[in-house]
Amino acid sequence: MLVLVLTAVPPGLRGFLTRWLLEISAGVFVGKVSKRVRELLWERTQTMVRTGRAIMVFSARNEQGLSFLVHGHHWEPVDVEGITLMLRPHDPAQTSGGGRPPATGWSTAARRRKLSR
């Protein structure tokens, strides 16, 4: 089984992939092809994707039962003790409440109580 997810790619690549795979949603292709065809599809995808992104997930004989290839993504596959995980890049703006620095000092309610005394 093979799943190929494309984002922001030329229409020619999507048309090319429909020869071997079914497009079940915009940019999502599925199918069952041989290893040789899968490798050729991935090579063609890499050459035609330009500035877009592509992720291919396919069945494999390993602990997870699947493997994946990534092209043009910020997330990258990392092997952790034999299991492949996706490493998401660190974005400090998301970790501290939407880009604001962490609040320091007293809360607004505490300041109001102090002023009312």
PDB file of N, CA and C in Angstrom:
ATOM      1  N   MET A   1       0.849  -1.173   0.000  1.00  0.00           N
ATOM      2  CA  MET A   1       0.000   0.000   0.000  1.00  0.00           C
ATOM      3  C   MET A   1       0.890   1.229   0.000  1.00  0.00           C
ATOM      4  N   LEU A   2       0.456   2.248  -0.709  1.00  0.00           N
ATOM      5  CA  LEU A   2       1.216   3.478  -0.850  1.00  0.00           C
ATOM      6  C   LEU A   2       0.273   4.664  -0.709  1.00  0.00           C
ATOM      7  N   VAL A   3       0.684   5.674   0.046  1.00  0.00           N
ATOM      8  CA  VAL A   3      -0.049   6.923   0.168  1.00  0.00           C
ATOM      9  C   VAL A   3       0.933   8.042  -0.130  1.00  0.00           C
ATOM     10  N   LEU A   4       0.552   8.938  -1.023  1.00  0.00           N
ATOM     11  CA  LEU A   4       1.403  10.060  -1.408  1.00  0.00           C
ATOM     12  C   LEU A   4       0.597  11.334  -1.226  1.00  0.00           C
ATOM     13  N   VAL A   5       1.106  12.247  -0.394  1.00  0.00           N
ATOM     14  CA  VAL A   5       0.423  13.498  -0.106  1.00  0.00           C
ATOM     15  C   VAL A   5       1.251  14.637  -0.687  1.00  0.00           C
ATOM     16  N   LEU A   6       0.626  15.432  -1.543  1.00  0.00           N
ATOM     17  CA  LEU A   6       1.307  16.535  -2.212  1.00  0.00           C
ATOM     18  C   LEU A   6       0.681  17.866  -1.812  1.00  0.00           C
ATOM     19  N   THR A   7       1.521  18.892  -1.698  1.00  0.00           N
ATOM     20  CA  THR A   7       1.054  20.228  -1.383  1.00  0.00           C
ATOM     21  C   THR A   7       1.751  21.224  -2.301  1.00  0.00           C
ATOM     22  N   ALA A   8       0.990  22.075  -2.947  1.00  0.00           N
ATOM     23  CA  ALA A   8       1.509  23.152  -3.804  1.00  0.00           C
ATOM     24  C   ALA A   8       2.421  22.620  -4.901  1.00  0.00           C
ATOM     25  N   VAL A   9       1.918  21.666  -5.665  1.00  0.00           N
ATOM     26  CA  VAL A   9       2.698  21.088  -6.766  1.00  0.00           C
ATOM     27  C   VAL A   9       2.029  21.433  -8.096  1.00  0.00           C
ATOM     28  N   PRO A  10       2.782  21.363  -9.193  1.00  0.00           N
ATOM     29  CA  PRO A  10       2.185  21.646 -10.500  1.00  0.00           C
ATOM     30  C   PRO A  10       1.139  20.600 -10.886  1.00  0.00           C
ATOM     31  N   PRO A  11       0.125  21.003 -11.644  1.00  0.00           N
ATOM     32  CA  PRO A  11      -0.921  20.057 -12.046  1.00  0.00           C
ATOM     33  C   PRO A  11      -0.381  18.904 -12.884  1.00  0.00           C
ATOM     34  N   GLY A  12       0.725  19.113 -13.597  1.00  0.00           N
ATOM     35  CA  GLY A  12       1.300  18.047 -14.414  1.00  0.00           C
ATOM     36  C   GLY A  12       1.742  16.853 -13.582  1.00  0.00           C
ATOM     37  N   LEU A  13       2.246  17.110 -12.385  1.00  0.00           N
ATOM     38  CA  LEU A  13       2.662  16.017 -11.502  1.00  0.00           C
ATOM     39  C   LEU A  13       1.448  15.234 -11.042  1.00  0.00           C
ATOM     40  N   ARG A  14       0.379  15.920 -10.690  1.00  0.00           N
ATOM     41  CA  ARG A  14      -0.839  15.225 -10.267  1.00  0.00           C
ATOM     42  C   ARG A  14      -1.396  14.379 -11.402  1.00  0.00           C
ATOM     43  N   GLY A  15      -1.361  14.910 -12.623  1.00  0.00           N
ATOM     44  CA  GLY A  15      -1.819  14.139 -13.778  1.00  0.00           C
ATOM     45  C   GLY A  15      -0.948  12.924 -14.032  1.00  0.00           C
ATOM     46  N   PHE A  16       0.357  13.078 -13.865  1.00  0.00           N
ATOM     47  CA  PHE A  16       1.284  11.967 -14.046  1.00  0.00           C
ATOM     48  C   PHE A  16       0.998  10.845 -13.046  1.00  0.00           C
ATOM     49  N   LEU A  17       0.753  11.210 -11.795  1.00  0.00           N
ATOM     50  CA  LEU A  17       0.533  10.205 -10.750  1.00  0.00           C
ATOM     51  C   LEU A  17      -0.786   9.455 -10.915  1.00  0.00           C
ATOM     52  N   THR A  18      -1.768  10.061 -11.581  1.00  0.00           N
ATOM     53  CA  THR A  18      -3.057   9.378 -11.743  1.00  0.00           C
ATOM     54  C   THR A  18      -2.965   8.183 -12.686  1.00  0.00           C
ATOM     55  N   ARG A  19      -1.846   8.014 -13.349  1.00  0.00           N
ATOM     56  CA  ARG A  19      -1.663   6.811 -14.184  1.00  0.00           C
ATOM     57  C   ARG A  19      -1.544   5.548 -13.341  1.00  0.00           C
ATOM     58  N   TRP A  20      -0.989   5.683 -12.128  1.00  0.00           N
ATOM     59  CA  TRP A  20      -0.762   4.505 -11.281  1.00  0.00           C
ATOM     60  C   TRP A  20      -1.529   4.540  -9.972  1.00  0.00           C
ATOM     61  N   LEU A  21      -1.940   5.723  -9.537  1.00  0.00           N
ATOM     62  CA  LEU A  21      -2.566   5.860  -8.228  1.00  0.00           C
ATOM     63  C   LEU A  21      -3.928   6.537  -8.363  1.00  0.00           C
ATOM     64  N   LEU A  22      -4.766   6.342  -7.351  1.00  0.00           N
ATOM     65  CA  LEU A  22      -6.063   7.004  -7.299  1.00  0.00           C
ATOM     66  C   LEU A  22      -5.946   8.259  -6.442  1.00  0.00           C
ATOM     67  N   GLU A  23      -6.486   9.370  -6.937  1.00  0.00           N
ATOM     68  CA  GLU A  23      -6.497  10.611  -6.152  1.00  0.00           C
ATOM     69  C   GLU A  23      -7.819  10.639  -5.380  1.00  0.00           C
ATOM     70  N   ILE A  24      -7.750  10.352  -4.082  1.00  0.00           N
ATOM     71  CA  ILE A  24      -8.966  10.251  -3.276  1.00  0.00           C
ATOM     72  C   ILE A  24      -9.403  11.592  -2.701  1.00  0.00           C
ATOM     73  N   SER A  25      -8.503  12.541  -2.664  1.00  0.00           N
ATOM     74  CA  SER A  25      -8.789  13.906  -2.241  1.00  0.00           C
ATOM     75  C   SER A  25      -7.745  14.784  -2.913  1.00  0.00           C
ATOM     76  N   ALA A  26      -7.928  16.084  -2.863  1.00  0.00           N
ATOM     77  CA  ALA A  26      -6.987  16.970  -3.545  1.00  0.00           C
ATOM     78  C   ALA A  26      -5.573  16.773  -3.008  1.00  0.00           C
ATOM     79  N   GLY A  27      -4.694  16.242  -3.859  1.00  0.00           N
ATOM     80  CA  GLY A  27      -3.299  16.049  -3.480  1.00  0.00           C
ATOM     81  C   GLY A  27      -3.012  14.793  -2.690  1.00  0.00           C
ATOM     82  N   VAL A  28      -3.994  13.914  -2.489  1.00  0.00           N
ATOM     83  CA  VAL A  28      -3.791  12.666  -1.738  1.00  0.00           C
ATOM     84  C   VAL A  28      -3.996  11.496  -2.691  1.00  0.00           C
ATOM     85  N   PHE A  29      -2.926  10.740  -2.915  1.00  0.00           N
ATOM     86  CA  PHE A  29      -2.950   9.615  -3.843  1.00  0.00           C
ATOM     87  C   PHE A  29      -2.718   8.320  -3.083  1.00  0.00           C
ATOM     88  N   VAL A  30      -3.452   7.270  -3.458  1.00  0.00           N
ATOM     89  CA  VAL A  30      -3.281   5.955  -2.841  1.00  0.00           C
ATOM     90  C   VAL A  30      -3.219   4.898  -3.928  1.00  0.00           C
ATOM     91  N   GLY A  31      -2.573   3.781  -3.594  1.00  0.00           N
ATOM     92  CA  GLY A  31      -2.517   2.680  -4.540  1.00  0.00           C
ATOM     93  C   GLY A  31      -1.603   1.580  -4.034  1.00  0.00           C
ATOM     94  N   LYS A  32      -1.553   0.525  -4.811  1.00  0.00           N
ATOM     95  CA  LYS A  32      -0.685  -0.606  -4.495  1.00  0.00           C
ATOM     96  C   LYS A  32       0.170  -0.852  -5.730  1.00  0.00           C
ATOM     97  N   VAL A  33       1.466  -0.558  -5.607  1.00  0.00           N
ATOM     98  CA  VAL A  33       2.395  -0.700  -6.720  1.00  0.00           C
ATOM     99  C   VAL A  33       3.621  -1.463  -6.245  1.00  0.00           C
ATOM    100  N   SER A  34       4.416  -1.932  -7.191  1.00  0.00           N
ATOM    101  CA  SER A  34       5.637  -2.653  -6.840  1.00  0.00           C
ATOM    102  C   SER A  34       6.695  -1.682  -6.324  1.00  0.00           C
ATOM    103  N   LYS A  35       7.742  -2.241  -5.736  1.00  0.00           N
ATOM    104  CA  LYS A  35       8.826  -1.426  -5.198  1.00  0.00           C
ATOM    105  C   LYS A  35       9.492  -0.609  -6.301  1.00  0.00           C
ATOM    106  N   ARG A  36       9.683  -1.224  -7.440  1.00  0.00           N
ATOM    107  CA  ARG A  36      10.332  -0.531  -8.558  1.00  0.00           C
ATOM    108  C   ARG A  36       9.502   0.663  -9.030  1.00  0.00           C
ATOM    109  N   VAL A  37       8.206   0.469  -9.181  1.00  0.00           N
ATOM    110  CA  VAL A  37       7.331   1.553  -9.608  1.00  0.00           C
ATOM    111  C   VAL A  37       7.294   2.640  -8.535  1.00  0.00           C
ATOM    112  N   ARG A  38       7.241   2.231  -7.270  1.00  0.00           N
ATOM    113  CA  ARG A  38       7.233   3.197  -6.170  1.00  0.00           C
ATOM    114  C   ARG A  38       8.482   4.076  -6.209  1.00  0.00           C
ATOM    115  N   GLU A  39       9.649   3.481  -6.423  1.00  0.00           N
ATOM    116  CA  GLU A  39      10.890   4.244  -6.483  1.00  0.00           C
ATOM    117  C   GLU A  39      10.912   5.185  -7.683  1.00  0.00           C
ATOM    118  N   LEU A  40      10.402   4.727  -8.814  1.00  0.00           N
ATOM    119  CA  LEU A  40      10.337   5.592  -9.991  1.00  0.00           C
ATOM    120  C   LEU A  40       9.357   6.747  -9.786  1.00  0.00           C
ATOM    121  N   LEU A  41       8.220   6.471  -9.145  1.00  0.00           N
ATOM    122  CA  LEU A  41       7.262   7.528  -8.842  1.00  0.00           C
ATOM    123  C   LEU A  41       7.874   8.574  -7.912  1.00  0.00           C
ATOM    124  N   TRP A  42       8.636   8.115  -6.919  1.00  0.00           N
ATOM    125  CA  TRP A  42       9.255   9.055  -5.984  1.00  0.00           C
ATOM    126  C   TRP A  42      10.319   9.918  -6.682  1.00  0.00           C
ATOM    127  N   GLU A  43      11.109   9.296  -7.558  1.00  0.00           N
ATOM    128  CA  GLU A  43      12.115  10.061  -8.312  1.00  0.00           C
ATOM    129  C   GLU A  43      11.443  11.134  -9.160  1.00  0.00           C
ATOM    130  N   ARG A  44      10.367  10.774  -9.864  1.00  0.00           N
ATOM    131  CA  ARG A  44       9.666  11.724 -10.712  1.00  0.00           C
ATOM    132  C   ARG A  44       9.013  12.805  -9.858  1.00  0.00           C
ATOM    133  N   THR A  45       8.470  12.434  -8.713  1.00  0.00           N
ATOM    134  CA  THR A  45       7.852  13.399  -7.817  1.00  0.00           C
ATOM    135  C   THR A  45       8.881  14.425  -7.352  1.00  0.00           C
ATOM    136  N   GLN A  46      10.068  13.970  -6.974  1.00  0.00           N
ATOM    137  CA  GLN A  46      11.109  14.884  -6.517  1.00  0.00           C
ATOM    138  C   GLN A  46      11.536  15.856  -7.611  1.00  0.00           C
ATOM    139  N   THR A  47      11.593  15.395  -8.853  1.00  0.00           N
ATOM    140  CA  THR A  47      12.027  16.282  -9.924  1.00  0.00           C
ATOM    141  C   THR A  47      10.931  17.265 -10.337  1.00  0.00           C
ATOM    142  N   MET A  48       9.672  16.891 -10.186  1.00  0.00           N
ATOM    143  CA  MET A  48       8.577  17.744 -10.652  1.00  0.00           C
ATOM    144  C   MET A  48       7.956  18.622  -9.565  1.00  0.00           C
ATOM    145  N   VAL A  49       8.268  18.378  -8.311  1.00  0.00           N
ATOM    146  CA  VAL A  49       7.576  19.057  -7.214  1.00  0.00           C
ATOM    147  C   VAL A  49       7.937  20.540  -7.113  1.00  0.00           C
ATOM    148  N   ARG A  50       9.081  20.955  -7.604  1.00  0.00           N
ATOM    149  CA  ARG A  50       9.568  22.346  -7.550  1.00  0.00           C
ATOM    150  C   ARG A  50       9.570  22.862  -6.123  1.00  0.00           C
ATOM    151  N   THR A  51       8.764  23.880  -5.835  1.00  0.00           N
ATOM    152  CA  THR A  51       8.766  24.468  -4.497  1.00  0.00           C
ATOM    153  C   THR A  51       7.719  23.844  -3.579  1.00  0.00           C
ATOM    154  N   GLY A  52       6.998  22.848  -4.051  1.00  0.00           N
ATOM    155  CA  GLY A  52       5.959  22.203  -3.250  1.00  0.00           C
ATOM    156  C   GLY A  52       6.535  21.214  -2.259  1.00  0.00           C
ATOM    157  N   ARG A  53       5.637  20.428  -1.665  1.00  0.00           N
ATOM    158  CA  ARG A  53       6.041  19.432  -0.668  1.00  0.00           C
ATOM    159  C   ARG A  53       5.416  18.090  -0.993  1.00  0.00           C
ATOM    160  N   ALA A  54       6.103  17.025  -0.572  1.00  0.00           N
ATOM    161  CA  ALA A  54       5.594  15.672  -0.815  1.00  0.00           C
ATOM    162  C   ALA A  54       5.992  14.752   0.342  1.00  0.00           C
ATOM    163  N   ILE A  55       5.052  13.895   0.727  1.00  0.00           N
ATOM    164  CA  ILE A  55       5.308  12.843   1.708  1.00  0.00           C
ATOM    165  C   ILE A  55       4.770  11.550   1.132  1.00  0.00           C
ATOM    166  N   MET A  56       5.608  10.526   1.122  1.00  0.00           N
ATOM    167  CA  MET A  56       5.180   9.202   0.659  1.00  0.00           C
ATOM    168  C   MET A  56       5.268   8.232   1.834  1.00  0.00           C
ATOM    169  N   VAL A  57       4.160   7.557   2.101  1.00  0.00           N
ATOM    170  CA  VAL A  57       4.099   6.540   3.148  1.00  0.00           C
ATOM    171  C   VAL A  57       3.791   5.218   2.462  1.00  0.00           C
ATOM    172  N   PHE A  58       4.569   4.181   2.796  1.00  0.00           N
ATOM    173  CA  PHE A  58       4.380   2.894   2.144  1.00  0.00           C
ATOM    174  C   PHE A  58       4.633   1.758   3.121  1.00  0.00           C
ATOM    175  N   SER A  59       4.076   0.599   2.807  1.00  0.00           N
ATOM    176  CA  SER A  59       4.247  -0.597   3.634  1.00  0.00           C
ATOM    177  C   SER A  59       5.699  -1.032   3.605  1.00  0.00           C
ATOM    178  N   ALA A  60       6.189  -1.495   4.767  1.00  0.00           N
ATOM    179  CA  ALA A  60       7.566  -1.971   4.858  1.00  0.00           C
ATOM    180  C   ALA A  60       7.642  -3.077   5.899  1.00  0.00           C
ATOM    181  N   ARG A  61       8.650  -3.890   5.766  1.00  0.00           N
ATOM    182  CA  ARG A  61       8.857  -4.973   6.734  1.00  0.00           C
ATOM    183  C   ARG A  61       9.756  -4.472   7.851  1.00  0.00           C
ATOM    184  N   ASN A  62       9.160  -3.775   8.786  1.00  0.00           N
ATOM    185  CA  ASN A  62       9.885  -3.294   9.959  1.00  0.00           C
ATOM    186  C   ASN A  62       8.937  -3.297  11.154  1.00  0.00           C
ATOM    187  N   GLU A  63       9.407  -2.800  12.264  1.00  0.00           N
ATOM    188  CA  GLU A  63       8.619  -2.820  13.497  1.00  0.00           C
ATOM    189  C   GLU A  63       7.316  -2.031  13.354  1.00  0.00           C
ATOM    190  N   GLN A  64       7.361  -0.927  12.646  1.00  0.00           N
ATOM    191  CA  GLN A  64       6.172  -0.087  12.485  1.00  0.00           C
ATOM    192  C   GLN A  64       5.241  -0.594  11.388  1.00  0.00           C
ATOM    193  N   GLY A  65       5.772  -1.353  10.457  1.00  0.00           N
ATOM    194  CA  GLY A  65       4.969  -1.844   9.345  1.00  0.00           C
ATOM    195  C   GLY A  65       4.834  -0.829   8.220  1.00  0.00           C
ATOM    196  N   LEU A  66       5.531   0.290   8.347  1.00  0.00           N
ATOM    197  CA  LEU A  66       5.494   1.311   7.307  1.00  0.00           C
ATOM    198  C   LEU A  66       6.789   2.104   7.319  1.00  0.00           C
ATOM    199  N   SER A  67       6.995   2.806   6.239  1.00  0.00           N
ATOM    200  CA  SER A  67       8.136   3.688   6.117  1.00  0.00           C
ATOM    201  C   SER A  67       7.687   4.897   5.323  1.00  0.00           C
ATOM    202  N   PHE A  68       8.440   5.977   5.383  1.00  0.00           N
ATOM    203  CA  PHE A  68       8.029   7.157   4.642  1.00  0.00           C
ATOM    204  C   PHE A  68       9.219   7.954   4.157  1.00  0.00           C
ATOM    205  N   LEU A  69       8.957   8.706   3.090  1.00  0.00           N
ATOM    206  CA  LEU A  69       9.945   9.584   2.486  1.00  0.00           C
ATOM    207  C   LEU A  69       9.369  10.987   2.480  1.00  0.00           C
ATOM    208  N   VAL A  70      10.222  11.980   2.666  1.00  0.00           N
ATOM    209  CA  VAL A  70       9.778  13.361   2.776  1.00  0.00           C
ATOM    210  C   VAL A  70      10.590  14.226   1.824  1.00  0.00           C
ATOM    211  N   HIS A  71       9.919  15.166   1.151  1.00  0.00           N
ATOM    212  CA  HIS A  71      10.614  16.112   0.279  1.00  0.00           C
ATOM    213  C   HIS A  71      10.017  17.506   0.451  1.00  0.00           C
ATOM    214  N   GLY A  72      10.849  18.471   0.815  1.00  0.00           N
ATOM    215  CA  GLY A  72      10.418  19.858   0.908  1.00  0.00           C
ATOM    216  C   GLY A  72       9.690  20.235   2.179  1.00  0.00           C
ATOM    217  N   HIS A  73       9.682  19.380   3.193  1.00  0.00           N
ATOM    218  CA  HIS A  73       8.991  19.674   4.448  1.00  0.00           C
ATOM    219  C   HIS A  73       9.977  20.163   5.492  1.00  0.00           C
ATOM    220  N   HIS A  74       9.449  20.904   6.457  1.00  0.00           N
ATOM    221  CA  HIS A  74      10.265  21.306   7.599  1.00  0.00           C
ATOM    222  C   HIS A  74      10.400  20.135   8.571  1.00  0.00           C
ATOM    223  N   TRP A  75       9.387  19.302   8.610  1.00  0.00           N
ATOM    224  CA  TRP A  75       9.453  18.124   9.469  1.00  0.00           C
ATOM    225  C   TRP A  75      10.356  17.103   8.794  1.00  0.00           C
ATOM    226  N   GLU A  76      11.170  16.410   9.576  1.00  0.00           N
ATOM    227  CA  GLU A  76      12.082  15.443   8.988  1.00  0.00           C
ATOM    228  C   GLU A  76      12.034  14.120   9.749  1.00  0.00           C
ATOM    229  N   PRO A  77      12.160  13.003   9.032  1.00  0.00           N
ATOM    230  CA  PRO A  77      12.158  11.696   9.699  1.00  0.00           C
ATOM    231  C   PRO A  77      13.458  11.476  10.459  1.00  0.00           C
ATOM    232  N   VAL A  78      13.328  10.943  11.680  1.00  0.00           N
ATOM    233  CA  VAL A  78      14.485  10.669  12.530  1.00  0.00           C
ATOM    234  C   VAL A  78      14.338   9.259  13.080  1.00  0.00           C
ATOM    235  N   ASP A  79      15.411   8.481  13.021  1.00  0.00           N
ATOM    236  CA  ASP A  79      15.402   7.121  13.552  1.00  0.00           C
ATOM    237  C   ASP A  79      15.710   7.170  15.048  1.00  0.00           C
ATOM    238  N   VAL A  80      14.788   6.645  15.870  1.00  0.00           N
ATOM    239  CA  VAL A  80      14.973   6.600  17.312  1.00  0.00           C
ATOM    240  C   VAL A  80      14.872   5.141  17.734  1.00  0.00           C
ATOM    241  N   GLU A  81      16.013   4.522  17.963  1.00  0.00           N
ATOM    242  CA  GLU A  81      16.092   3.126  18.395  1.00  0.00           C
ATOM    243  C   GLU A  81      15.308   2.192  17.476  1.00  0.00           C
ATOM    244  N   GLY A  82      15.441   2.385  16.175  1.00  0.00           N
ATOM    245  CA  GLY A  82      14.800   1.509  15.211  1.00  0.00           C
ATOM    246  C   GLY A  82      13.403   1.915  14.798  1.00  0.00           C
ATOM    247  N   ILE A  83      12.853   2.948  15.407  1.00  0.00           N
ATOM    248  CA  ILE A  83      11.524   3.445  15.045  1.00  0.00           C
ATOM    249  C   ILE A  83      11.687   4.826  14.426  1.00  0.00           C
ATOM    250  N   THR A  84      11.057   5.034  13.296  1.00  0.00           N
ATOM    251  CA  THR A  84      11.158   6.317  12.619  1.00  0.00           C
ATOM    252  C   THR A  84      10.063   7.250  13.113  1.00  0.00           C
ATOM    253  N   LEU A  85      10.472   8.408  13.585  1.00  0.00           N
ATOM    254  CA  LEU A  85       9.543   9.426  14.062  1.00  0.00           C
ATOM    255  C   LEU A  85       9.759  10.697  13.251  1.00  0.00           C
ATOM    256  N   MET A  86       8.753  11.566  13.247  1.00  0.00           N
ATOM    257  CA  MET A  86       8.880  12.841  12.554  1.00  0.00           C
ATOM    258  C   MET A  86       9.315  13.902  13.555  1.00  0.00           C
ATOM    259  N   LEU A  87      10.433  14.553  13.257  1.00  0.00           N
ATOM    260  CA  LEU A  87      10.953  15.612  14.108  1.00  0.00           C
ATOM    261  C   LEU A  87      10.378  16.934  13.635  1.00  0.00           C
ATOM    262  N   ARG A  88       9.616  17.560  14.494  1.00  0.00           N
ATOM    263  CA  ARG A  88       9.017  18.854  14.180  1.00  0.00           C
ATOM    264  C   ARG A  88       9.987  19.930  14.625  1.00  0.00           C
ATOM    265  N   PRO A  89      10.257  20.924  13.769  1.00  0.00           N
ATOM    266  CA  PRO A  89      11.195  21.972  14.169  1.00  0.00           C
ATOM    267  C   PRO A  89      10.657  22.794  15.334  1.00  0.00           C
ATOM    268  N   HIS A  90      11.556  23.246  16.181  1.00  0.00           N
ATOM    269  CA  HIS A  90      11.182  24.036  17.354  1.00  0.00           C
ATOM    270  C   HIS A  90      10.780  25.438  16.922  1.00  0.00           C
ATOM    271  N   ASP A  91       9.608  25.883  17.360  1.00  0.00           N
ATOM    272  CA  ASP A  91       9.135  27.230  17.073  1.00  0.00           C
ATOM    273  C   ASP A  91       8.870  27.921  18.397  1.00  0.00           C
ATOM    274  N   PRO A  92       9.755  28.806  18.839  1.00  0.00           N
ATOM    275  CA  PRO A  92       9.576  29.430  20.155  1.00  0.00           C
ATOM    276  C   PRO A  92       8.315  30.272  20.247  1.00  0.00           C
ATOM    277  N   ALA A  93       7.787  30.760  19.133  1.00  0.00           N
ATOM    278  CA  ALA A  93       6.571  31.571  19.174  1.00  0.00           C
ATOM    279  C   ALA A  93       5.373  30.749  19.630  1.00  0.00           C
ATOM    280  N   GLN A  94       5.355  29.461  19.337  1.00  0.00           N
ATOM    281  CA  GLN A  94       4.220  28.624  19.714  1.00  0.00           C
ATOM    282  C   GLN A  94       4.310  28.149  21.154  1.00  0.00           C
ATOM    283  N   THR A  95       5.494  28.082  21.715  1.00  0.00           N
ATOM    284  CA  THR A  95       5.644  27.522  23.056  1.00  0.00           C
ATOM    285  C   THR A  95       5.348  28.518  24.155  1.00  0.00           C
ATOM    286  N   SER A  96       5.373  29.826  23.864  1.00  0.00           N
ATOM    287  CA  SER A  96       5.171  30.798  24.928  1.00  0.00           C
ATOM    288  C   SER A  96       3.894  31.611  24.740  1.00  0.00           C
ATOM    289  N   GLY A  97       2.847  31.003  24.253  1.00  0.00           N
ATOM    290  CA  GLY A  97       1.558  31.673  24.184  1.00  0.00           C
ATOM    291  C   GLY A  97       1.382  32.607  23.004  1.00  0.00           C
ATOM    292  N   GLY A  98       1.751  32.166  21.814  1.00  0.00           N
ATOM    293  CA  GLY A  98       1.468  32.955  20.632  1.00  0.00           C
ATOM    294  C   GLY A  98       2.459  34.059  20.348  1.00  0.00           C
ATOM    295  N   GLY A  99       3.687  33.907  20.732  1.00  0.00           N
ATOM    296  CA  GLY A  99       4.702  34.881  20.387  1.00  0.00           C
ATOM    297  C   GLY A  99       4.938  35.931  21.455  1.00  0.00           C
ATOM    298  N   ARG A 100       4.110  35.972  22.481  1.00  0.00           N
ATOM    299  CA  ARG A 100       4.334  36.942  23.552  1.00  0.00           C
ATOM    300  C   ARG A 100       5.339  36.375  24.536  1.00  0.00           C
ATOM    301  N   PRO A 101       6.117  37.230  25.148  1.00  0.00           N
ATOM    302  CA  PRO A 101       7.023  36.720  26.186  1.00  0.00           C
ATOM    303  C   PRO A 101       6.216  36.252  27.389  1.00  0.00           C
ATOM    304  N   PRO A 102       6.727  35.321  28.165  1.00  0.00           N
ATOM    305  CA  PRO A 102       5.983  34.847  29.330  1.00  0.00           C
ATOM    306  C   PRO A 102       5.721  35.988  30.308  1.00  0.00           C
ATOM    307  N   ALA A 103       4.552  35.975  30.899  1.00  0.00           N
ATOM    308  CA  ALA A 103       4.170  37.026  31.840  1.00  0.00           C
ATOM    309  C   ALA A 103       5.002  36.924  33.102  1.00  0.00           C
ATOM    310  N   THR A 104       5.425  38.075  33.601  1.00  0.00           N
ATOM    311  CA  THR A 104       6.180  38.106  34.852  1.00  0.00           C
ATOM    312  C   THR A 104       5.473  39.051  35.814  1.00  0.00           C
ATOM    313  N   GLY A 105       5.711  38.891  37.062  1.00  0.00           N
ATOM    314  CA  GLY A 105       5.106  39.780  38.057  1.00  0.00           C
ATOM    315  C   GLY A 105       3.709  39.348  38.444  1.00  0.00           C
ATOM    316  N   TRP A 106       2.947  40.294  38.967  1.00  0.00           N
ATOM    317  CA  TRP A 106       1.623  40.014  39.485  1.00  0.00           C
ATOM    318  C   TRP A 106       0.579  40.046  38.377  1.00  0.00           C
ATOM    319  N   SER A 107      -0.509  39.362  38.611  1.00  0.00           N
ATOM    320  CA  SER A 107      -1.609  39.359  37.653  1.00  0.00           C
ATOM    321  C   SER A 107      -2.352  40.686  37.714  1.00  0.00           C
ATOM    322  N   THR A 108      -3.181  40.936  36.730  1.00  0.00           N
ATOM    323  CA  THR A 108      -3.962  42.174  36.680  1.00  0.00           C
ATOM    324  C   THR A 108      -4.906  42.254  37.876  1.00  0.00           C
ATOM    325  N   ALA A 109      -5.513  41.128  38.242  1.00  0.00           N
ATOM    326  CA  ALA A 109      -6.438  41.115  39.379  1.00  0.00           C
ATOM    327  C   ALA A 109      -5.698  41.451  40.669  1.00  0.00           C
ATOM    328  N   ALA A 110      -4.490  40.934  40.845  1.00  0.00           N
ATOM    329  CA  ALA A 110      -3.722  41.219  42.063  1.00  0.00           C
ATOM    330  C   ALA A 110      -3.349  42.696  42.124  1.00  0.00           C
ATOM    331  N   ARG A 111      -3.020  43.275  40.998  1.00  0.00           N
ATOM    332  CA  ARG A 111      -2.693  44.711  40.977  1.00  0.00           C
ATOM    333  C   ARG A 111      -3.908  45.545  41.354  1.00  0.00           C
ATOM    334  N   ARG A 112      -5.074  45.181  40.859  1.00  0.00           N
ATOM    335  CA  ARG A 112      -6.298  45.924  41.191  1.00  0.00           C
ATOM    336  C   ARG A 112      -6.609  45.843  42.678  1.00  0.00           C
ATOM    337  N   ARG A 113      -6.479  44.652  43.260  1.00  0.00           N
ATOM    338  CA  ARG A 113      -6.726  44.497  44.704  1.00  0.00           C
ATOM    339  C   ARG A 113      -5.763  45.348  45.506  1.00  0.00           C
ATOM    340  N   LYS A 114      -4.507  45.383  45.080  1.00  0.00           N
ATOM    341  CA  LYS A 114      -3.493  46.153  45.800  1.00  0.00           C
ATOM    342  C   LYS A 114      -3.810  47.649  45.721  1.00  0.00           C
ATOM    343  N   LEU A 115      -4.273  48.118  44.564  1.00  0.00           N
ATOM    344  CA  LEU A 115      -4.605  49.526  44.411  1.00  0.00           C
ATOM    345  C   LEU A 115      -5.850  49.913  45.187  1.00  0.00           C
ATOM    346  N   SER A 116      -6.785  48.977  45.366  1.00  0.00           N
ATOM    347  CA  SER A 116      -8.034  49.298  46.067  1.00  0.00           C
ATOM    348  C   SER A 116      -7.829  49.410  47.571  1.00  0.00           C
ATOM    349  N   ARG A 117      -6.718  48.967  48.095  1.00  0.00           N
ATOM    350  CA  ARG A 117      -6.478  49.027  49.552  1.00  0.00           C
ATOM    351  C   ARG A 117      -6.066  50.363  49.999  1.00  0.00           C
TER     352      ARG A 117
END
